Amino acid sequence: MYNIPNLLAFIRLLCAPLMYLLLVNRDLPIFAGIHYSWLDYAAAFLFVLASATDFFDGYIARTFDQVTVLGAILDPLADKMLTLAGFLGLMLLGRADPWAIYLILTRELFITGLRVSAVSHGIDISASWMGKVKTVSQMFAIGFLLMEWPGGTFLLWIAVALTLYSGYEYVRDFFRKATL
């Protein structure tokens, strides 16, 4: 139950609200006198740190056979919290198109519900390769938008396309396995 992968996922859980705080609560007294760009840098640092834990917790869990039920719950929850914090914070700052965010978050909620339904019916629709590509594309888009680098909006729409396509794959796989 208590192992390094679960600790890394928990760190990601903590980074998400801290990153969101840095993005949307810039008028707090603790940030007085700090230029907003430094808050962006701090948010980007937390995002990169949290994104790195996503890679390492999965790698360590699989390599050293430390997969746990708690980890199976914490890992996707931490992923969703991190992307939610990043995308909503960026949308509120006016750096991310609200339609793109709406499409991504709707897909995430729908597929999470589908996966819960699948488990209750004994159907395994675990993360696919495209699901991992989707996550990486979302992380790149968030990183570029946090730093206000050129191409961030383009990467966001690439992430939307990959997100919707991976959602299609989950639905397709669910119905294939549900009719067996």
N, C-alpha and C. Protein backbone atom coordinates (compact mmCIF):
# COMPACT_ATOMS: atom_id res chain seq x y z
N MET A 1 0.83 -1.19 0.00
CA MET A 1 0.00 0.00 0.00
C MET A 1 0.87 1.25 0.00
N TYR A 2 1.80 1.35 0.95
CA TYR A 2 2.71 2.49 0.99
C TYR A 2 3.97 2.12 0.25
N ASN A 3 4.16 2.73 -0.91
CA ASN A 3 5.36 2.47 -1.69
C ASN A 3 5.72 3.73 -2.47
N ILE A 4 6.83 3.69 -3.17
CA ILE A 4 7.31 4.88 -3.89
C ILE A 4 6.33 5.32 -4.98
N PRO A 5 5.79 4.42 -5.80
CA PRO A 5 4.84 4.88 -6.81
C PRO A 5 3.63 5.61 -6.22
N ASN A 6 3.10 5.10 -5.11
CA ASN A 6 1.96 5.76 -4.47
C ASN A 6 2.36 7.11 -3.88
N LEU A 7 3.56 7.20 -3.34
CA LEU A 7 4.06 8.47 -2.82
C LEU A 7 4.19 9.50 -3.96
N LEU A 8 4.70 9.05 -5.10
CA LEU A 8 4.84 9.95 -6.26
C LEU A 8 3.47 10.43 -6.75
N ALA A 9 2.49 9.54 -6.77
CA ALA A 9 1.14 9.94 -7.18
C ALA A 9 0.56 10.93 -6.17
N PHE A 10 0.85 10.73 -4.90
CA PHE A 10 0.37 11.65 -3.86
C PHE A 10 1.02 13.03 -4.03
N ILE A 11 2.29 13.05 -4.37
CA ILE A 11 2.98 14.33 -4.63
C ILE A 11 2.28 15.06 -5.78
N ARG A 12 1.89 14.31 -6.82
CA ARG A 12 1.18 14.90 -7.94
C ARG A 12 -0.17 15.46 -7.49
N LEU A 13 -0.82 14.75 -6.58
CA LEU A 13 -2.09 15.26 -6.03
C LEU A 13 -1.90 16.60 -5.33
N LEU A 14 -0.78 16.76 -4.64
CA LEU A 14 -0.50 18.01 -3.93
C LEU A 14 -0.07 19.13 -4.88
N CYS A 15 0.65 18.79 -5.92
CA CYS A 15 1.12 19.81 -6.87
C CYS A 15 -0.03 20.47 -7.62
N ALA A 16 -1.06 19.71 -7.93
CA ALA A 16 -2.16 20.23 -8.74
C ALA A 16 -2.84 21.45 -8.12
N PRO A 17 -3.31 21.38 -6.86
CA PRO A 17 -3.95 22.58 -6.30
C PRO A 17 -2.97 23.74 -6.08
N LEU A 18 -1.71 23.42 -5.79
CA LEU A 18 -0.72 24.49 -5.64
C LEU A 18 -0.50 25.22 -6.96
N MET A 19 -0.43 24.46 -8.04
CA MET A 19 -0.28 25.06 -9.35
C MET A 19 -1.49 25.93 -9.67
N TYR A 20 -2.67 25.43 -9.40
CA TYR A 20 -3.89 26.17 -9.65
C TYR A 20 -3.91 27.47 -8.84
N LEU A 21 -3.50 27.39 -7.59
CA LEU A 21 -3.42 28.58 -6.74
C LEU A 21 -2.52 29.64 -7.37
N LEU A 22 -1.37 29.23 -7.86
CA LEU A 22 -0.43 30.18 -8.48
C LEU A 22 -1.01 30.81 -9.75
N LEU A 23 -1.87 30.09 -10.43
CA LEU A 23 -2.43 30.61 -11.67
C LEU A 23 -3.63 31.52 -11.46
N VAL A 24 -4.47 31.21 -10.49
CA VAL A 24 -5.73 31.96 -10.40
C VAL A 24 -5.87 32.85 -9.17
N ASN A 25 -4.99 32.75 -8.22
CA ASN A 25 -5.08 33.59 -7.01
C ASN A 25 -3.90 34.53 -6.90
N ARG A 26 -3.64 35.26 -7.95
CA ARG A 26 -2.47 36.13 -8.03
C ARG A 26 -2.59 37.37 -7.16
N ASP A 27 -3.78 37.65 -6.66
CA ASP A 27 -3.98 38.85 -5.84
C ASP A 27 -3.87 38.57 -4.34
N LEU A 28 -3.49 37.36 -3.97
CA LEU A 28 -3.33 37.05 -2.54
C LEU A 28 -2.18 37.86 -1.95
N PRO A 29 -2.31 38.26 -0.68
CA PRO A 29 -1.24 39.05 -0.06
C PRO A 29 0.14 38.37 -0.09
N ILE A 30 0.17 37.04 -0.06
CA ILE A 30 1.47 36.36 -0.08
C ILE A 30 2.20 36.55 -1.41
N PHE A 31 1.46 36.94 -2.46
CA PHE A 31 2.07 37.17 -3.76
C PHE A 31 2.31 38.64 -4.05
N ALA A 32 2.06 39.51 -3.06
CA ALA A 32 2.23 40.95 -3.27
C ALA A 32 3.68 41.25 -3.66
N GLY A 33 3.83 42.04 -4.70
CA GLY A 33 5.16 42.45 -5.16
C GLY A 33 5.84 41.44 -6.07
N ILE A 34 5.23 40.30 -6.29
CA ILE A 34 5.82 39.28 -7.17
C ILE A 34 5.20 39.45 -8.55
N HIS A 35 6.02 39.62 -9.55
CA HIS A 35 5.52 39.77 -10.91
C HIS A 35 4.85 38.47 -11.35
N TYR A 36 3.77 38.61 -12.11
CA TYR A 36 3.01 37.42 -12.50
C TYR A 36 3.86 36.39 -13.25
N SER A 37 4.89 36.85 -13.95
CA SER A 37 5.72 35.90 -14.70
C SER A 37 6.41 34.91 -13.76
N TRP A 38 6.76 35.36 -12.57
CA TRP A 38 7.39 34.45 -11.60
C TRP A 38 6.39 33.43 -11.08
N LEU A 39 5.13 33.83 -10.98
CA LEU A 39 4.10 32.87 -10.59
C LEU A 39 3.90 31.84 -11.70
N ASP A 40 4.00 32.30 -12.97
CA ASP A 40 3.94 31.36 -14.10
C ASP A 40 5.10 30.37 -14.04
N TYR A 41 6.31 30.88 -13.75
CA TYR A 41 7.48 29.99 -13.67
C TYR A 41 7.30 28.97 -12.55
N ALA A 42 6.80 29.43 -11.40
CA ALA A 42 6.59 28.51 -10.28
C ALA A 42 5.52 27.46 -10.64
N ALA A 43 4.44 27.91 -11.29
CA ALA A 43 3.40 26.96 -11.71
C ALA A 43 3.97 25.97 -12.72
N ALA A 44 4.78 26.47 -13.65
CA ALA A 44 5.39 25.58 -14.65
C ALA A 44 6.33 24.58 -13.99
N PHE A 45 7.08 25.03 -12.99
CA PHE A 45 7.98 24.12 -12.27
C PHE A 45 7.18 23.00 -11.59
N LEU A 46 6.10 23.38 -10.91
CA LEU A 46 5.26 22.38 -10.25
C LEU A 46 4.66 21.42 -11.28
N PHE A 47 4.27 21.97 -12.42
CA PHE A 47 3.69 21.13 -13.46
C PHE A 47 4.71 20.13 -14.01
N VAL A 48 5.93 20.58 -14.26
CA VAL A 48 6.98 19.69 -14.77
C VAL A 48 7.32 18.63 -13.71
N LEU A 49 7.43 19.05 -12.47
CA LEU A 49 7.70 18.11 -11.38
C LEU A 49 6.60 17.05 -11.30
N ALA A 50 5.36 17.50 -11.33
CA ALA A 50 4.23 16.57 -11.24
C ALA A 50 4.19 15.65 -12.47
N SER A 51 4.45 16.20 -13.64
CA SER A 51 4.45 15.39 -14.86
C SER A 51 5.54 14.32 -14.80
N ALA A 52 6.69 14.66 -14.25
CA ALA A 52 7.77 13.68 -14.11
C ALA A 52 7.36 12.56 -13.17
N THR A 53 6.64 12.89 -12.09
CA THR A 53 6.20 11.83 -11.17
C THR A 53 5.25 10.88 -11.87
N ASP A 54 4.49 11.38 -12.84
CA ASP A 54 3.56 10.52 -13.58
C ASP A 54 4.32 9.43 -14.32
N PHE A 55 5.41 9.80 -14.97
CA PHE A 55 6.22 8.80 -15.67
C PHE A 55 6.85 7.82 -14.69
N PHE A 56 7.48 8.35 -13.65
CA PHE A 56 8.25 7.50 -12.74
C PHE A 56 7.37 6.60 -11.88
N ASP A 57 6.19 7.07 -11.45
CA ASP A 57 5.39 6.17 -10.61
C ASP A 57 4.93 4.94 -11.40
N GLY A 58 4.55 5.14 -12.67
CA GLY A 58 4.16 3.98 -13.49
C GLY A 58 5.32 3.07 -13.79
N TYR A 59 6.46 3.66 -14.11
CA TYR A 59 7.65 2.87 -14.43
C TYR A 59 8.09 2.02 -13.23
N ILE A 60 8.17 2.64 -12.07
CA ILE A 60 8.60 1.93 -10.86
C ILE A 60 7.59 0.85 -10.47
N ALA A 61 6.29 1.20 -10.56
CA ALA A 61 5.26 0.23 -10.17
C ALA A 61 5.33 -1.02 -11.04
N ARG A 62 5.50 -0.85 -12.36
CA ARG A 62 5.56 -2.00 -13.26
C ARG A 62 6.88 -2.75 -13.14
N THR A 63 7.98 -2.02 -13.10
CA THR A 63 9.31 -2.64 -13.09
C THR A 63 9.55 -3.44 -11.81
N PHE A 64 9.12 -2.90 -10.68
CA PHE A 64 9.40 -3.54 -9.40
C PHE A 64 8.16 -4.20 -8.79
N ASP A 65 7.17 -4.46 -9.64
CA ASP A 65 5.95 -5.14 -9.22
C ASP A 65 5.36 -4.50 -7.95
N GLN A 66 5.16 -3.18 -8.00
CA GLN A 66 4.59 -2.45 -6.88
C GLN A 66 3.21 -1.88 -7.23
N VAL A 67 2.51 -2.54 -8.13
CA VAL A 67 1.17 -2.11 -8.50
C VAL A 67 0.23 -2.42 -7.34
N THR A 68 -0.54 -1.42 -6.91
CA THR A 68 -1.47 -1.61 -5.79
C THR A 68 -2.84 -1.07 -6.18
N VAL A 69 -3.86 -1.47 -5.44
CA VAL A 69 -5.21 -0.95 -5.65
C VAL A 69 -5.22 0.55 -5.39
N LEU A 70 -4.54 0.98 -4.32
CA LEU A 70 -4.46 2.41 -4.02
C LEU A 70 -3.82 3.17 -5.18
N GLY A 71 -2.76 2.63 -5.73
CA GLY A 71 -2.09 3.26 -6.86
C GLY A 71 -2.98 3.33 -8.09
N ALA A 72 -3.78 2.29 -8.31
CA ALA A 72 -4.70 2.26 -9.44
C ALA A 72 -5.76 3.35 -9.31
N ILE A 73 -6.04 3.77 -8.09
CA ILE A 73 -7.00 4.86 -7.85
C ILE A 73 -6.28 6.21 -7.88
N LEU A 74 -5.15 6.31 -7.17
CA LEU A 74 -4.43 7.58 -7.06
C LEU A 74 -3.87 8.07 -8.39
N ASP A 75 -3.31 7.18 -9.19
CA ASP A 75 -2.63 7.60 -10.41
C ASP A 75 -3.57 8.33 -11.38
N PRO A 76 -4.70 7.72 -11.78
CA PRO A 76 -5.57 8.46 -12.70
C PRO A 76 -6.21 9.70 -12.05
N LEU A 77 -6.48 9.63 -10.75
CA LEU A 77 -7.03 10.80 -10.05
C LEU A 77 -6.03 11.95 -10.09
N ALA A 78 -4.77 11.65 -9.80
CA ALA A 78 -3.74 12.68 -9.81
C ALA A 78 -3.56 13.25 -11.22
N ASP A 79 -3.60 12.40 -12.23
CA ASP A 79 -3.51 12.86 -13.62
C ASP A 79 -4.63 13.83 -13.94
N LYS A 80 -5.86 13.45 -13.58
CA LYS A 80 -7.02 14.30 -13.88
C LYS A 80 -6.94 15.61 -13.10
N MET A 81 -6.53 15.55 -11.85
CA MET A 81 -6.41 16.78 -11.06
C MET A 81 -5.37 17.72 -11.65
N LEU A 82 -4.26 17.17 -12.11
CA LEU A 82 -3.19 17.99 -12.67
C LEU A 82 -3.64 18.65 -13.96
N THR A 83 -4.22 17.88 -14.87
CA THR A 83 -4.66 18.47 -16.13
C THR A 83 -5.83 19.44 -15.91
N LEU A 84 -6.72 19.10 -14.99
CA LEU A 84 -7.83 20.00 -14.67
C LEU A 84 -7.30 21.33 -14.14
N ALA A 85 -6.36 21.27 -13.21
CA ALA A 85 -5.78 22.50 -12.65
C ALA A 85 -5.10 23.32 -13.73
N GLY A 86 -4.34 22.66 -14.58
CA GLY A 86 -3.64 23.38 -15.63
C GLY A 86 -4.59 24.00 -16.64
N PHE A 87 -5.50 23.20 -17.16
CA PHE A 87 -6.40 23.70 -18.20
C PHE A 87 -7.36 24.77 -17.68
N LEU A 88 -7.95 24.55 -16.50
CA LEU A 88 -8.86 25.56 -15.96
C LEU A 88 -8.12 26.85 -15.61
N GLY A 89 -6.95 26.72 -15.01
CA GLY A 89 -6.17 27.91 -14.69
C GLY A 89 -5.80 28.69 -15.94
N LEU A 90 -5.38 27.99 -16.98
CA LEU A 90 -5.02 28.65 -18.24
C LEU A 90 -6.23 29.27 -18.91
N MET A 91 -7.38 28.61 -18.82
CA MET A 91 -8.59 29.18 -19.39
C MET A 91 -8.98 30.47 -18.66
N LEU A 92 -8.89 30.43 -17.33
CA LEU A 92 -9.24 31.63 -16.56
C LEU A 92 -8.27 32.78 -16.81
N LEU A 93 -7.04 32.45 -17.18
CA LEU A 93 -6.06 33.49 -17.53
C LEU A 93 -6.23 33.97 -18.97
N GLY A 94 -7.11 33.33 -19.72
CA GLY A 94 -7.34 33.70 -21.10
C GLY A 94 -6.30 33.15 -22.07
N ARG A 95 -5.57 32.13 -21.65
CA ARG A 95 -4.53 31.54 -22.50
C ARG A 95 -4.97 30.27 -23.21
N ALA A 96 -6.12 29.75 -22.85
CA ALA A 96 -6.61 28.51 -23.45
C ALA A 96 -8.05 28.70 -23.89
N ASP A 97 -8.36 28.24 -25.08
CA ASP A 97 -9.69 28.37 -25.65
C ASP A 97 -10.69 27.57 -24.81
N PRO A 98 -11.76 28.22 -24.35
CA PRO A 98 -12.75 27.52 -23.52
C PRO A 98 -13.36 26.30 -24.21
N TRP A 99 -13.55 26.34 -25.53
CA TRP A 99 -14.11 25.18 -26.23
C TRP A 99 -13.15 24.00 -26.19
N ALA A 100 -11.88 24.27 -26.34
CA ALA A 100 -10.89 23.19 -26.26
C ALA A 100 -10.94 22.55 -24.88
N ILE A 101 -10.99 23.37 -23.86
CA ILE A 101 -11.01 22.87 -22.49
C ILE A 101 -12.30 22.09 -22.24
N TYR A 102 -13.42 22.61 -22.72
CA TYR A 102 -14.70 21.93 -22.57
C TYR A 102 -14.65 20.53 -23.21
N LEU A 103 -14.13 20.45 -24.43
CA LEU A 103 -14.06 19.15 -25.12
C LEU A 103 -13.16 18.17 -24.37
N ILE A 104 -12.00 18.65 -23.91
CA ILE A 104 -11.08 17.77 -23.18
C ILE A 104 -11.70 17.28 -21.88
N LEU A 105 -12.26 18.20 -21.10
CA LEU A 105 -12.80 17.81 -19.80
C LEU A 105 -14.04 16.93 -19.93
N THR A 106 -14.87 17.20 -20.96
CA THR A 106 -16.04 16.35 -21.19
C THR A 106 -15.61 14.93 -21.51
N ARG A 107 -14.61 14.80 -22.38
CA ARG A 107 -14.10 13.47 -22.72
C ARG A 107 -13.56 12.77 -21.49
N GLU A 108 -12.78 13.50 -20.68
CA GLU A 108 -12.18 12.89 -19.48
C GLU A 108 -13.26 12.38 -18.53
N LEU A 109 -14.29 13.18 -18.31
CA LEU A 109 -15.37 12.75 -17.41
C LEU A 109 -16.13 11.56 -17.99
N PHE A 110 -16.43 11.61 -19.28
CA PHE A 110 -17.16 10.53 -19.91
C PHE A 110 -16.38 9.21 -19.85
N ILE A 111 -15.09 9.26 -20.18
CA ILE A 111 -14.30 8.03 -20.20
C ILE A 111 -14.08 7.51 -18.79
N THR A 112 -13.94 8.40 -17.81
CA THR A 112 -13.82 7.94 -16.42
C THR A 112 -15.09 7.20 -16.03
N GLY A 113 -16.24 7.73 -16.37
CA GLY A 113 -17.51 7.05 -16.08
C GLY A 113 -17.61 5.72 -16.82
N LEU A 114 -17.19 5.70 -18.07
CA LEU A 114 -17.21 4.47 -18.86
C LEU A 114 -16.32 3.41 -18.23
N ARG A 115 -15.14 3.83 -17.77
CA ARG A 115 -14.22 2.86 -17.17
C ARG A 115 -14.80 2.30 -15.86
N VAL A 116 -15.45 3.14 -15.08
CA VAL A 116 -16.09 2.67 -13.84
C VAL A 116 -17.19 1.67 -14.19
N SER A 117 -17.99 1.99 -15.20
CA SER A 117 -19.04 1.07 -15.64
C SER A 117 -18.44 -0.24 -16.13
N ALA A 118 -17.35 -0.16 -16.89
CA ALA A 118 -16.70 -1.36 -17.41
C ALA A 118 -16.24 -2.26 -16.27
N VAL A 119 -15.60 -1.67 -15.27
CA VAL A 119 -15.11 -2.45 -14.13
C VAL A 119 -16.28 -3.14 -13.43
N SER A 120 -17.39 -2.43 -13.28
CA SER A 120 -18.54 -3.04 -12.60
C SER A 120 -19.14 -4.20 -13.39
N HIS A 121 -18.85 -4.25 -14.68
CA HIS A 121 -19.30 -5.36 -15.53
C HIS A 121 -18.18 -6.35 -15.83
N GLY A 122 -17.06 -6.22 -15.13
CA GLY A 122 -15.95 -7.14 -15.32
C GLY A 122 -15.21 -6.97 -16.64
N ILE A 123 -15.30 -5.79 -17.22
CA ILE A 123 -14.64 -5.50 -18.50
C ILE A 123 -13.41 -4.65 -18.23
N ASP A 124 -12.28 -5.10 -18.78
CA ASP A 124 -11.03 -4.34 -18.60
C ASP A 124 -10.80 -3.44 -19.81
N ILE A 125 -10.86 -2.14 -19.59
CA ILE A 125 -10.47 -1.19 -20.63
C ILE A 125 -9.42 -0.25 -20.02
N SER A 126 -8.28 -0.84 -19.72
CA SER A 126 -7.20 -0.07 -19.11
C SER A 126 -6.59 0.87 -20.13
N ALA A 127 -5.72 1.73 -19.65
CA ALA A 127 -5.13 2.77 -20.49
C ALA A 127 -4.45 2.18 -21.72
N SER A 128 -4.74 2.77 -22.84
CA SER A 128 -4.18 2.32 -24.11
C SER A 128 -2.95 3.16 -24.46
N TRP A 129 -2.26 2.75 -25.50
CA TRP A 129 -1.12 3.52 -25.98
C TRP A 129 -1.58 4.91 -26.40
N MET A 130 -2.72 5.01 -27.07
CA MET A 130 -3.23 6.31 -27.49
C MET A 130 -3.61 7.17 -26.29
N GLY A 131 -4.08 6.53 -25.23
CA GLY A 131 -4.37 7.27 -24.00
C GLY A 131 -3.12 7.90 -23.42
N LYS A 132 -2.01 7.19 -23.51
CA LYS A 132 -0.74 7.74 -23.02
C LYS A 132 -0.25 8.87 -23.93
N VAL A 133 -0.42 8.72 -25.24
CA VAL A 133 -0.06 9.78 -26.19
C VAL A 133 -0.91 11.02 -25.91
N LYS A 134 -2.19 10.80 -25.64
CA LYS A 134 -3.10 11.89 -25.30
C LYS A 134 -2.61 12.65 -24.09
N THR A 135 -2.22 11.92 -23.06
CA THR A 135 -1.74 12.56 -21.83
C THR A 135 -0.49 13.38 -22.08
N VAL A 136 0.45 12.83 -22.84
CA VAL A 136 1.68 13.56 -23.16
C VAL A 136 1.36 14.81 -23.96
N SER A 137 0.45 14.71 -24.92
CA SER A 137 0.10 15.88 -25.73
C SER A 137 -0.55 16.96 -24.87
N GLN A 138 -1.38 16.56 -23.92
CA GLN A 138 -1.99 17.52 -23.01
C GLN A 138 -0.93 18.20 -22.14
N MET A 139 0.03 17.41 -21.68
CA MET A 139 1.09 17.97 -20.84
C MET A 139 1.95 18.97 -21.61
N PHE A 140 2.28 18.64 -22.87
CA PHE A 140 3.03 19.59 -23.69
C PHE A 140 2.24 20.87 -23.90
N ALA A 141 0.95 20.73 -24.21
CA ALA A 141 0.11 21.92 -24.44
C ALA A 141 0.06 22.79 -23.19
N ILE A 142 -0.14 22.17 -22.04
CA ILE A 142 -0.20 22.93 -20.79
C ILE A 142 1.14 23.63 -20.54
N GLY A 143 2.24 22.91 -20.73
CA GLY A 143 3.55 23.51 -20.53
C GLY A 143 3.80 24.71 -21.42
N PHE A 144 3.50 24.58 -22.70
CA PHE A 144 3.68 25.69 -23.65
C PHE A 144 2.79 26.87 -23.29
N LEU A 145 1.54 26.59 -22.92
CA LEU A 145 0.61 27.67 -22.57
C LEU A 145 1.01 28.34 -21.26
N LEU A 146 1.51 27.56 -20.30
CA LEU A 146 1.98 28.16 -19.05
C LEU A 146 3.11 29.15 -19.29
N MET A 147 4.01 28.77 -20.17
CA MET A 147 5.17 29.62 -20.43
C MET A 147 4.91 30.67 -21.52
N GLU A 148 3.71 30.62 -22.08
CA GLU A 148 3.32 31.53 -23.16
C GLU A 148 4.28 31.45 -24.34
N TRP A 149 4.69 30.23 -24.65
CA TRP A 149 5.57 30.00 -25.79
C TRP A 149 4.74 29.93 -27.07
N PRO A 150 5.34 30.29 -28.20
CA PRO A 150 4.62 30.18 -29.47
C PRO A 150 4.23 28.73 -29.74
N GLY A 151 3.08 28.55 -30.34
CA GLY A 151 2.62 27.21 -30.68
C GLY A 151 1.77 26.56 -29.62
N GLY A 152 1.59 27.21 -28.48
CA GLY A 152 0.80 26.61 -27.41
C GLY A 152 -0.63 26.33 -27.80
N THR A 153 -1.26 27.28 -28.52
CA THR A 153 -2.64 27.08 -28.95
C THR A 153 -2.73 25.95 -29.97
N PHE A 154 -1.78 25.88 -30.88
CA PHE A 154 -1.74 24.79 -31.85
C PHE A 154 -1.62 23.44 -31.13
N LEU A 155 -0.71 23.37 -30.15
CA LEU A 155 -0.55 22.13 -29.39
C LEU A 155 -1.81 21.77 -28.62
N LEU A 156 -2.52 22.80 -28.14
CA LEU A 156 -3.77 22.55 -27.42
C LEU A 156 -4.78 21.87 -28.34
N TRP A 157 -4.91 22.33 -29.58
CA TRP A 157 -5.86 21.73 -30.50
C TRP A 157 -5.41 20.35 -30.96
N ILE A 158 -4.10 20.13 -31.04
CA ILE A 158 -3.60 18.77 -31.31
C ILE A 158 -4.01 17.86 -30.15
N ALA A 159 -3.85 18.37 -28.92
CA ALA A 159 -4.25 17.59 -27.74
C ALA A 159 -5.74 17.30 -27.76
N VAL A 160 -6.55 18.26 -28.19
CA VAL A 160 -8.00 18.04 -28.29
C VAL A 160 -8.28 16.89 -29.25
N ALA A 161 -7.66 16.94 -30.43
CA ALA A 161 -7.88 15.89 -31.44
C ALA A 161 -7.47 14.52 -30.90
N LEU A 162 -6.30 14.44 -30.28
CA LEU A 162 -5.83 13.16 -29.73
C LEU A 162 -6.70 12.70 -28.57
N THR A 163 -7.18 13.65 -27.78
CA THR A 163 -8.05 13.34 -26.65
C THR A 163 -9.36 12.74 -27.14
N LEU A 164 -9.95 13.36 -28.14
CA LEU A 164 -11.21 12.85 -28.69
C LEU A 164 -11.01 11.50 -29.36
N TYR A 165 -9.91 11.35 -30.09
CA TYR A 165 -9.65 10.07 -30.75
C TYR A 165 -9.44 8.95 -29.72
N SER A 166 -8.67 9.23 -28.67
CA SER A 166 -8.46 8.18 -27.67
C SER A 166 -9.77 7.86 -26.96
N GLY A 167 -10.64 8.85 -26.80
CA GLY A 167 -11.97 8.59 -26.24
C GLY A 167 -12.77 7.66 -27.12
N TYR A 168 -12.70 7.90 -28.43
CA TYR A 168 -13.35 7.00 -29.39
C TYR A 168 -12.84 5.58 -29.21
N GLU A 169 -11.52 5.41 -29.07
CA GLU A 169 -10.94 4.07 -28.91
C GLU A 169 -11.47 3.37 -27.65
N TYR A 170 -11.60 4.13 -26.54
CA TYR A 170 -12.13 3.54 -25.31
C TYR A 170 -13.56 3.07 -25.52
N VAL A 171 -14.38 3.90 -26.16
CA VAL A 171 -15.78 3.53 -26.40
C VAL A 171 -15.85 2.30 -27.31
N ARG A 172 -15.06 2.30 -28.38
CA ARG A 172 -15.03 1.16 -29.30
C ARG A 172 -14.63 -0.12 -28.57
N ASP A 173 -13.56 -0.03 -27.76
CA ASP A 173 -13.10 -1.22 -27.03
C ASP A 173 -14.13 -1.70 -26.01
N PHE A 174 -14.79 -0.74 -25.38
CA PHE A 174 -15.82 -1.12 -24.41
C PHE A 174 -16.92 -1.93 -25.08
N PHE A 175 -17.42 -1.43 -26.21
CA PHE A 175 -18.52 -2.14 -26.88
C PHE A 175 -18.07 -3.44 -27.50
N ARG A 176 -16.83 -3.52 -27.95
CA ARG A 176 -16.31 -4.80 -28.46
C ARG A 176 -16.28 -5.84 -27.34
N LYS A 177 -15.78 -5.43 -26.19
CA LYS A 177 -15.64 -6.38 -25.08
C LYS A 177 -16.98 -6.65 -24.41
N ALA A 178 -17.89 -5.69 -24.42
CA ALA A 178 -19.19 -5.87 -23.78
C ALA A 178 -20.07 -6.85 -24.57
N THR A 179 -19.81 -7.00 -25.86
CA THR A 179 -20.65 -7.88 -26.68
C THR A 179 -20.06 -9.26 -26.87
N LEU A 180 -18.92 -9.54 -26.22
CA LEU A 180 -18.30 -10.86 -26.36
C LEU A 180 -19.09 -11.93 -25.66
